[in-house]
Amino acid sequence: MKQIEVTILGQSYRLGCPEGGEAQLLAAVDTVDREMSAIRDAGKVKARERMAVLAALNLAYQLAERPAAPAAGSATSPAPADAELQALITRIDAALGDDGRLL
């Protein structure tokens, strides 16, 4: 496994990467860095760990919003339960309080 060094929010990280996966990993790093920078630039969250959690939640939510690709051998995949997802976002927002909103 290849090791590459990346920077996220000004912090360097050494990550393991399978051969041929460098472009995908660098694209993922860029996405995470942009998301964390946007949260930092909003000015409501100061702690790097909190920024990382919010970025992860935002990215997971965006991924959940995408239409699901049909699984091999099945006609359709069930869509995420919108009410459950909205309830989860509301609970996260309540837990964060004034530190920032998920969306």
Protein backbone atom coordinates (compact mmCIF):
# COMPACT_ATOMS: atom_id res chain seq x y z
CA MET A 1 0.00 0.00 0.00
CA LYS A 2 1.31 3.39 -1.00
CA GLN A 3 1.59 6.23 1.53
CA ILE A 4 0.71 9.78 0.49
CA GLU A 5 0.82 12.99 2.47
CA VAL A 6 -2.17 15.31 2.30
CA THR A 7 -3.25 18.52 4.00
CA ILE A 8 -6.69 19.12 5.44
CA LEU A 9 -7.43 22.48 7.04
CA GLY A 10 -3.72 23.23 7.28
CA GLN A 11 -2.92 19.95 9.06
CA SER A 12 -0.76 17.31 7.36
CA TYR A 13 -1.80 13.66 7.35
CA ARG A 14 -0.05 10.59 5.95
CA LEU A 15 -2.61 8.22 4.48
CA GLY A 16 -2.41 4.72 3.11
CA CYS A 17 -3.65 4.43 -0.44
CA PRO A 18 -4.04 1.38 -2.69
CA GLU A 19 -2.09 1.48 -5.94
CA GLY A 20 -4.10 3.33 -8.55
CA GLY A 21 -6.37 4.97 -5.97
CA GLU A 22 -4.43 8.22 -5.61
CA ALA A 23 -6.79 10.35 -7.72
CA GLN A 24 -9.87 9.15 -5.81
CA LEU A 25 -8.21 9.72 -2.44
CA LEU A 26 -7.01 13.19 -3.41
CA ALA A 27 -10.52 14.07 -4.62
CA ALA A 28 -11.93 12.89 -1.28
CA VAL A 29 -9.32 14.91 0.62
CA ASP A 30 -10.22 17.99 -1.44
CA THR A 31 -13.92 17.50 -0.68
CA VAL A 32 -13.31 17.12 3.07
CA ASP A 33 -10.96 20.13 3.11
CA ARG A 34 -13.52 22.31 1.30
CA GLU A 35 -16.32 21.22 3.64
CA MET A 36 -14.25 21.84 6.79
CA SER A 37 -13.03 25.20 5.45
CA ALA A 38 -16.62 26.29 4.79
CA ILE A 39 -17.59 25.40 8.37
CA ARG A 40 -14.54 27.20 9.75
CA ASP A 41 -15.19 30.25 7.57
CA ALA A 42 -18.78 30.46 8.82
CA GLY A 43 -17.13 31.32 12.14
CA LYS A 44 -19.47 29.53 14.53
CA VAL A 45 -17.32 26.46 15.19
CA LYS A 46 -13.76 26.77 16.47
CA ALA A 47 -12.71 23.24 17.45
CA ARG A 48 -11.15 21.20 14.63
CA GLU A 49 -12.77 17.99 15.91
CA ARG A 50 -16.22 19.56 15.82
CA MET A 51 -15.56 20.86 12.30
CA ALA A 52 -14.59 17.34 11.24
CA VAL A 53 -17.77 15.84 12.71
CA LEU A 54 -19.96 18.48 11.07
CA ALA A 55 -18.19 18.00 7.74
CA ALA A 56 -18.64 14.23 7.98
CA LEU A 57 -22.34 14.64 8.77
CA ASN A 58 -22.86 17.13 5.93
CA LEU A 59 -21.11 14.84 3.44
CA ALA A 60 -23.03 11.79 4.67
CA TYR A 61 -26.29 13.72 4.31
CA GLN A 62 -25.37 14.77 0.76
CA LEU A 63 -24.58 11.15 -0.06
CA ALA A 64 -27.90 10.00 1.40
CA GLU A 65 -29.74 12.55 -0.76
CA ARG A 66 -28.37 11.02 -3.97
CA PRO A 67 -30.66 8.60 -5.75
CA ALA A 68 -29.67 5.07 -4.84
CA ALA A 69 -28.23 2.99 -7.67
CA PRO A 70 -30.18 -0.23 -8.17
CA ALA A 71 -28.43 -3.23 -6.65
CA ALA A 72 -27.41 -6.01 -8.99
CA GLY A 73 -30.37 -8.30 -9.52
CA SER A 74 -32.99 -5.94 -8.07
CA ALA A 75 -35.29 -3.56 -9.86
CA THR A 76 -35.05 -0.73 -7.34
CA SER A 77 -33.40 0.12 -4.03
CA PRO A 78 -35.45 1.63 -1.23
CA ALA A 79 -34.95 5.38 -0.76
CA PRO A 80 -33.82 6.64 2.66
CA ALA A 81 -36.68 7.39 5.00
CA ASP A 82 -36.98 11.18 4.75
CA ALA A 83 -38.78 11.57 8.06
CA GLU A 84 -36.13 9.55 9.91
CA LEU A 85 -33.32 11.52 8.28
CA GLN A 86 -34.98 14.84 9.14
CA ALA A 87 -35.48 13.69 12.74
CA LEU A 88 -31.79 12.78 12.97
CA ILE A 89 -30.75 16.20 11.62
CA THR A 90 -33.04 17.91 14.12
CA ARG A 91 -31.51 15.88 16.99
CA ILE A 92 -27.97 16.74 15.84
CA ASP A 93 -28.84 20.42 15.54
CA ALA A 94 -30.31 20.38 19.06
CA ALA A 95 -27.18 18.68 20.43
CA LEU A 96 -24.91 21.25 18.75
CA GLY A 97 -26.85 24.17 20.17
CA ASP A 98 -25.31 27.53 19.24
CA ASP A 99 -22.09 25.96 17.91
CA GLY A 100 -23.60 25.61 14.47
CA ARG A 101 -26.29 24.03 12.43
CA LEU A 102 -25.84 20.92 10.35
CA LEU A 103 -27.55 22.45 7.33
